[in-house]
């Protein structure tokens, strides 16, 4: 039985992307979104939010998305929470083989507000179907 998507942890160092994505997912998608400006901030607050999905930028200063994901998986035992990477890179150039299990998709930036909602819903639905 598919899990219901309600709470999304969004990790991106770009404050503008955080605001656009958060507002889009909340107002157009009906999700509860909590934004973090770094992988470390997400790690520090993970237990207080408990997301159904982690939406994380691949390229960030200090701790990139894959490194943050590895830390979440190892330190927080977050093994069952699906992850969608967000990136400005060409998706064909991304090698997800070295990333810990749980990455269910990749969304390419830039995106329009409705596009990110649609892509999150599509990836989620495909993962649980």
N, C-alpha and C. Protein backbone atom coordinates (compact mmCIF):
# COMPACT_ATOMS: atom_id res chain seq x y z
N UNK A 1 0.84 -1.18 0.00
CA UNK A 1 0.00 0.00 0.00
C UNK A 1 0.89 1.24 0.00
N UNK A 2 0.68 2.15 -0.94
CA UNK A 2 1.53 3.34 -1.01
C UNK A 2 1.41 4.24 0.22
N UNK A 3 2.53 4.76 0.61
CA UNK A 3 2.56 5.70 1.71
C UNK A 3 2.08 7.07 1.21
N UNK A 4 1.41 7.78 2.08
CA UNK A 4 0.92 9.11 1.71
C UNK A 4 2.03 10.13 1.90
N UNK A 5 2.20 10.99 0.92
CA UNK A 5 3.21 12.04 0.98
C UNK A 5 2.59 13.29 1.58
N UNK A 6 3.10 13.69 2.75
CA UNK A 6 2.59 14.88 3.42
C UNK A 6 3.70 15.86 3.76
N UNK A 7 4.82 15.34 4.28
CA UNK A 7 5.89 16.19 4.82
C UNK A 7 7.16 16.05 3.98
N UNK A 8 7.67 17.20 3.51
CA UNK A 8 8.87 17.20 2.67
C UNK A 8 9.95 18.04 3.33
N UNK A 9 11.12 17.45 3.48
CA UNK A 9 12.32 18.17 3.93
C UNK A 9 13.02 18.66 2.68
N UNK A 10 13.20 19.97 2.55
CA UNK A 10 13.84 20.54 1.37
C UNK A 10 15.18 21.13 1.78
N UNK A 11 16.26 20.64 1.18
CA UNK A 11 17.61 21.09 1.52
C UNK A 11 18.24 21.73 0.29
N UNK A 12 18.49 23.05 0.39
CA UNK A 12 19.09 23.80 -0.71
C UNK A 12 19.75 25.04 -0.14
N UNK A 13 20.96 25.33 -0.57
CA UNK A 13 21.69 26.48 -0.04
C UNK A 13 21.21 27.80 -0.63
N UNK A 14 20.42 27.77 -1.69
CA UNK A 14 19.93 28.97 -2.35
C UNK A 14 18.59 29.37 -1.72
N UNK A 15 18.57 30.50 -1.02
CA UNK A 15 17.38 30.95 -0.30
C UNK A 15 16.21 31.20 -1.25
N UNK A 16 16.48 31.72 -2.43
CA UNK A 16 15.41 31.98 -3.40
C UNK A 16 14.77 30.67 -3.85
N UNK A 17 15.61 29.67 -4.15
CA UNK A 17 15.08 28.35 -4.53
C UNK A 17 14.28 27.76 -3.38
N UNK A 18 14.77 27.91 -2.16
CA UNK A 18 14.03 27.41 -0.99
C UNK A 18 12.62 28.02 -0.94
N UNK A 19 12.55 29.34 -1.11
CA UNK A 19 11.26 30.03 -1.01
C UNK A 19 10.32 29.63 -2.13
N UNK A 20 10.82 29.62 -3.37
CA UNK A 20 9.98 29.27 -4.52
C UNK A 20 9.49 27.83 -4.40
N UNK A 21 10.41 26.94 -4.10
CA UNK A 21 10.05 25.52 -4.00
C UNK A 21 9.10 25.28 -2.84
N UNK A 22 9.40 25.87 -1.69
CA UNK A 22 8.55 25.68 -0.52
C UNK A 22 7.14 26.18 -0.75
N UNK A 23 7.02 27.40 -1.27
CA UNK A 23 5.69 27.98 -1.54
C UNK A 23 4.93 27.14 -2.57
N UNK A 24 5.64 26.69 -3.60
CA UNK A 24 5.01 25.87 -4.64
C UNK A 24 4.48 24.57 -4.07
N UNK A 25 5.32 23.88 -3.33
CA UNK A 25 4.91 22.59 -2.78
C UNK A 25 3.80 22.73 -1.75
N UNK A 26 3.81 23.82 -1.00
CA UNK A 26 2.76 24.05 -0.01
C UNK A 26 1.45 24.49 -0.65
N UNK A 27 1.50 25.54 -1.47
CA UNK A 27 0.26 26.10 -2.00
C UNK A 27 -0.33 25.29 -3.15
N UNK A 28 0.52 24.76 -4.02
CA UNK A 28 0.01 24.00 -5.17
C UNK A 28 -0.09 22.51 -4.89
N UNK A 29 0.76 22.01 -4.01
CA UNK A 29 0.78 20.57 -3.74
C UNK A 29 0.11 20.16 -2.45
N UNK A 30 -0.09 21.12 -1.55
CA UNK A 30 -0.71 20.82 -0.27
C UNK A 30 0.19 20.12 0.73
N UNK A 31 1.50 20.21 0.52
CA UNK A 31 2.46 19.55 1.41
C UNK A 31 2.91 20.48 2.53
N UNK A 32 3.38 19.88 3.61
CA UNK A 32 4.06 20.63 4.67
C UNK A 32 5.55 20.54 4.33
N UNK A 33 6.20 21.70 4.20
CA UNK A 33 7.60 21.74 3.78
C UNK A 33 8.42 22.48 4.82
N UNK A 34 9.57 21.90 5.13
CA UNK A 34 10.52 22.58 6.00
C UNK A 34 11.83 22.69 5.22
N UNK A 35 12.34 23.92 5.10
CA UNK A 35 13.54 24.18 4.30
C UNK A 35 14.77 24.29 5.19
N UNK A 36 15.89 23.83 4.66
CA UNK A 36 17.18 23.89 5.33
C UNK A 36 18.21 24.41 4.34
N UNK A 37 19.12 25.26 4.81
CA UNK A 37 20.12 25.86 3.94
C UNK A 37 21.39 25.04 3.78
N UNK A 38 21.48 23.92 4.50
CA UNK A 38 22.68 23.08 4.39
C UNK A 38 22.35 21.65 4.81
N UNK A 39 23.20 20.75 4.39
CA UNK A 39 23.05 19.36 4.80
C UNK A 39 23.18 19.21 6.30
N UNK A 40 24.08 19.97 6.91
CA UNK A 40 24.27 19.89 8.36
C UNK A 40 23.02 20.36 9.10
N UNK A 41 22.40 21.42 8.63
CA UNK A 41 21.16 21.91 9.28
C UNK A 41 20.07 20.85 9.21
N UNK A 42 19.97 20.16 8.08
CA UNK A 42 18.99 19.09 7.94
C UNK A 42 19.29 17.95 8.90
N UNK A 43 20.57 17.59 9.02
CA UNK A 43 20.97 16.54 9.96
C UNK A 43 20.62 16.92 11.39
N UNK A 44 20.91 18.15 11.74
CA UNK A 44 20.68 18.61 13.11
C UNK A 44 19.21 18.62 13.49
N UNK A 45 18.33 18.83 12.52
CA UNK A 45 16.91 18.98 12.83
C UNK A 45 16.06 17.81 12.37
N UNK A 46 16.66 16.78 11.80
CA UNK A 46 15.90 15.70 11.20
C UNK A 46 14.87 15.10 12.16
N UNK A 47 15.28 14.76 13.35
CA UNK A 47 14.39 14.08 14.29
C UNK A 47 13.18 14.91 14.70
N UNK A 48 13.28 16.22 14.63
CA UNK A 48 12.14 17.05 15.03
C UNK A 48 11.11 17.21 13.90
N UNK A 49 11.49 16.91 12.66
CA UNK A 49 10.56 17.10 11.54
C UNK A 49 10.00 15.78 11.00
N UNK A 50 10.81 14.78 10.88
CA UNK A 50 10.41 13.46 10.38
C UNK A 50 9.66 13.51 9.05
N UNK A 51 10.37 13.79 7.96
CA UNK A 51 9.71 13.92 6.65
C UNK A 51 9.33 12.57 6.04
N UNK A 52 8.40 12.64 5.09
CA UNK A 52 8.05 11.47 4.28
C UNK A 52 8.98 11.38 3.07
N UNK A 53 9.55 12.54 2.68
CA UNK A 53 10.41 12.64 1.51
C UNK A 53 11.48 13.70 1.77
N UNK A 54 12.69 13.44 1.27
CA UNK A 54 13.77 14.42 1.35
C UNK A 54 14.06 14.89 -0.08
N UNK A 55 13.96 16.19 -0.29
CA UNK A 55 14.26 16.83 -1.57
C UNK A 55 15.55 17.61 -1.34
N UNK A 56 16.65 17.19 -1.98
CA UNK A 56 17.95 17.76 -1.62
C UNK A 56 18.77 18.14 -2.85
N UNK A 57 19.33 19.34 -2.80
CA UNK A 57 20.20 19.83 -3.86
C UNK A 57 21.49 19.00 -3.88
N UNK A 58 21.95 18.66 -5.06
CA UNK A 58 23.17 17.86 -5.16
C UNK A 58 24.43 18.66 -4.89
N UNK A 59 24.44 19.94 -5.28
CA UNK A 59 25.64 20.76 -5.15
C UNK A 59 25.40 21.87 -4.14
N UNK A 60 26.08 21.77 -3.00
CA UNK A 60 26.00 22.78 -1.95
C UNK A 60 27.39 22.94 -1.33
N UNK A 61 27.68 24.11 -0.78
CA UNK A 61 28.96 24.27 -0.11
C UNK A 61 29.00 23.45 1.18
N UNK A 62 30.16 23.16 1.64
CA UNK A 62 30.41 22.43 2.89
C UNK A 62 30.03 20.96 2.80
N UNK A 63 28.76 20.65 2.55
CA UNK A 63 28.33 19.26 2.47
C UNK A 63 27.38 19.13 1.28
N UNK A 64 27.82 18.45 0.23
CA UNK A 64 26.97 18.27 -0.95
C UNK A 64 25.86 17.27 -0.66
N UNK A 65 24.87 17.26 -1.53
CA UNK A 65 23.71 16.40 -1.35
C UNK A 65 24.02 14.93 -1.10
N UNK A 66 24.85 14.29 -1.95
CA UNK A 66 25.15 12.88 -1.70
C UNK A 66 25.82 12.65 -0.34
N UNK A 67 26.71 13.55 0.07
CA UNK A 67 27.37 13.42 1.37
C UNK A 67 26.35 13.57 2.50
N UNK A 68 25.44 14.53 2.37
CA UNK A 68 24.39 14.72 3.38
C UNK A 68 23.51 13.48 3.46
N UNK A 69 23.19 12.90 2.31
CA UNK A 69 22.38 11.69 2.29
C UNK A 69 23.09 10.54 2.99
N UNK A 70 24.38 10.36 2.69
CA UNK A 70 25.15 9.32 3.37
C UNK A 70 25.12 9.53 4.88
N UNK A 71 25.29 10.76 5.32
CA UNK A 71 25.29 11.05 6.75
C UNK A 71 23.93 10.76 7.38
N UNK A 72 22.86 11.13 6.69
CA UNK A 72 21.53 10.82 7.20
C UNK A 72 21.34 9.31 7.33
N UNK A 73 21.76 8.59 6.31
CA UNK A 73 21.59 7.14 6.33
C UNK A 73 22.41 6.49 7.45
N UNK A 74 23.62 6.97 7.65
CA UNK A 74 24.51 6.37 8.65
C UNK A 74 24.20 6.82 10.07
N UNK A 75 24.16 8.13 10.28
CA UNK A 75 24.05 8.65 11.63
C UNK A 75 22.64 8.65 12.17
N UNK A 76 21.68 8.84 11.32
CA UNK A 76 20.31 8.95 11.79
C UNK A 76 19.50 7.68 11.50
N UNK A 77 20.12 6.71 10.87
CA UNK A 77 19.42 5.48 10.50
C UNK A 77 18.15 5.78 9.70
N UNK A 78 18.26 6.74 8.82
CA UNK A 78 17.13 7.13 7.97
C UNK A 78 17.19 6.27 6.72
N UNK A 79 16.72 5.05 6.83
CA UNK A 79 16.85 4.12 5.72
C UNK A 79 15.60 4.03 4.87
N UNK A 80 14.46 4.39 5.43
CA UNK A 80 13.22 4.17 4.70
C UNK A 80 12.62 5.44 4.10
N UNK A 81 13.30 6.57 4.22
CA UNK A 81 12.77 7.82 3.67
C UNK A 81 13.31 8.01 2.26
N UNK A 82 12.43 8.07 1.26
CA UNK A 82 12.88 8.27 -0.11
C UNK A 82 13.47 9.66 -0.31
N UNK A 83 14.35 9.75 -1.31
CA UNK A 83 15.07 10.99 -1.60
C UNK A 83 14.94 11.32 -3.08
N UNK A 84 14.72 12.60 -3.35
CA UNK A 84 14.80 13.11 -4.73
C UNK A 84 15.90 14.15 -4.75
N UNK A 85 16.87 13.96 -5.63
CA UNK A 85 17.91 14.96 -5.81
C UNK A 85 17.41 16.05 -6.74
N UNK A 86 17.86 17.28 -6.50
CA UNK A 86 17.58 18.42 -7.36
C UNK A 86 18.94 18.95 -7.82
N UNK A 87 19.05 19.24 -9.11
CA UNK A 87 20.35 19.68 -9.62
C UNK A 87 20.21 20.56 -10.85
N UNK A 88 21.21 21.40 -11.04
CA UNK A 88 21.31 22.19 -12.25
C UNK A 88 22.12 21.47 -13.31
N UNK A 89 22.75 20.36 -12.95
CA UNK A 89 23.54 19.57 -13.89
C UNK A 89 22.62 18.86 -14.88
N UNK A 90 23.22 18.41 -15.96
CA UNK A 90 22.48 17.57 -16.89
C UNK A 90 22.23 16.24 -16.20
N UNK A 91 21.02 15.79 -16.22
CA UNK A 91 20.66 14.57 -15.50
C UNK A 91 21.43 13.36 -16.03
N UNK A 92 21.72 13.35 -17.34
CA UNK A 92 22.45 12.22 -17.91
C UNK A 92 23.87 12.11 -17.35
N UNK A 93 24.40 13.21 -16.80
CA UNK A 93 25.77 13.20 -16.28
C UNK A 93 25.85 12.76 -14.82
N UNK A 94 24.73 12.50 -14.21
CA UNK A 94 24.71 12.16 -12.79
C UNK A 94 24.86 10.67 -12.62
N UNK A 95 25.81 10.27 -11.82
CA UNK A 95 26.03 8.86 -11.52
C UNK A 95 25.51 8.59 -10.11
N UNK A 96 24.37 7.94 -10.03
CA UNK A 96 23.78 7.67 -8.73
C UNK A 96 24.23 6.33 -8.16
N UNK A 97 25.10 5.60 -8.87
CA UNK A 97 25.53 4.30 -8.41
C UNK A 97 26.25 4.35 -7.06
N UNK A 98 26.94 5.46 -6.78
CA UNK A 98 27.69 5.52 -5.52
C UNK A 98 26.87 6.13 -4.38
N UNK A 99 25.63 6.45 -4.64
CA UNK A 99 24.76 7.03 -3.62
C UNK A 99 24.02 5.91 -2.90
N UNK A 100 23.89 6.06 -1.61
CA UNK A 100 23.18 5.08 -0.81
C UNK A 100 21.76 4.89 -1.34
N UNK A 101 21.23 3.72 -1.15
CA UNK A 101 19.88 3.42 -1.61
C UNK A 101 18.87 4.44 -1.12
N UNK A 102 17.81 4.55 -1.85
CA UNK A 102 16.74 5.43 -1.43
C UNK A 102 16.51 6.61 -2.33
N UNK A 103 17.38 6.82 -3.33
CA UNK A 103 17.16 7.91 -4.27
C UNK A 103 16.15 7.42 -5.30
N UNK A 104 15.00 8.07 -5.34
CA UNK A 104 13.92 7.61 -6.22
C UNK A 104 13.79 8.45 -7.48
N UNK A 105 14.56 9.55 -7.55
CA UNK A 105 14.48 10.37 -8.75
C UNK A 105 15.35 11.60 -8.68
N UNK A 106 15.41 12.30 -9.81
CA UNK A 106 16.19 13.52 -9.93
C UNK A 106 15.33 14.55 -10.65
N UNK A 107 15.31 15.78 -10.13
CA UNK A 107 14.59 16.89 -10.75
C UNK A 107 15.62 17.92 -11.19
N UNK A 108 15.48 18.38 -12.41
CA UNK A 108 16.41 19.34 -13.00
C UNK A 108 15.96 20.77 -12.72
N UNK A 109 16.90 21.60 -12.24
CA UNK A 109 16.65 23.04 -12.07
C UNK A 109 17.13 23.74 -13.33
N UNK A 110 16.59 24.86 -13.66
CA UNK A 110 15.47 25.54 -13.00
C UNK A 110 14.15 24.88 -13.37
N UNK A 111 13.15 25.12 -12.54
CA UNK A 111 11.82 24.60 -12.79
C UNK A 111 10.79 25.67 -12.42
N UNK A 112 9.62 25.55 -13.01
CA UNK A 112 8.51 26.44 -12.70
C UNK A 112 7.78 25.87 -11.49
N UNK A 113 7.05 26.71 -10.75
CA UNK A 113 6.37 26.23 -9.54
C UNK A 113 5.52 24.97 -9.75
N UNK A 114 4.67 24.95 -10.75
CA UNK A 114 3.82 23.77 -10.95
C UNK A 114 4.64 22.56 -11.38
N UNK A 115 5.74 22.79 -12.10
CA UNK A 115 6.59 21.68 -12.56
C UNK A 115 7.18 20.89 -11.40
N UNK A 116 7.66 21.59 -10.37
CA UNK A 116 8.27 20.87 -9.25
C UNK A 116 7.21 20.05 -8.51
N UNK A 117 6.03 20.57 -8.37
CA UNK A 117 4.94 19.83 -7.73
C UNK A 117 4.60 18.59 -8.55
N UNK A 118 4.43 18.78 -9.85
CA UNK A 118 4.10 17.66 -10.74
C UNK A 118 5.19 16.60 -10.73
N UNK A 119 6.45 17.03 -10.78
CA UNK A 119 7.55 16.07 -10.80
C UNK A 119 7.65 15.29 -9.49
N UNK A 120 7.50 15.98 -8.38
CA UNK A 120 7.53 15.29 -7.07
C UNK A 120 6.40 14.26 -7.03
N UNK A 121 5.19 14.65 -7.41
CA UNK A 121 4.06 13.72 -7.39
C UNK A 121 4.28 12.54 -8.33
N UNK A 122 4.80 12.80 -9.52
CA UNK A 122 5.04 11.73 -10.49
C UNK A 122 6.09 10.75 -9.98
N UNK A 123 7.21 11.27 -9.48
CA UNK A 123 8.28 10.40 -8.98
C UNK A 123 7.77 9.58 -7.79
N UNK A 124 7.04 10.22 -6.89
CA UNK A 124 6.48 9.52 -5.71
C UNK A 124 5.54 8.39 -6.14
N UNK A 125 4.62 8.72 -7.06
CA UNK A 125 3.64 7.75 -7.52
C UNK A 125 4.32 6.58 -8.23
N UNK A 126 5.30 6.87 -9.09
CA UNK A 126 6.02 5.80 -9.78
C UNK A 126 6.77 4.90 -8.80
N UNK A 127 7.34 5.52 -7.77
CA UNK A 127 8.09 4.75 -6.78
C UNK A 127 7.18 3.79 -6.01
N UNK A 128 5.99 4.23 -5.69
CA UNK A 128 5.08 3.41 -4.89
C UNK A 128 4.07 2.62 -5.71
N UNK A 129 4.20 2.60 -7.03
CA UNK A 129 3.25 1.81 -7.83
C UNK A 129 3.85 0.47 -8.24
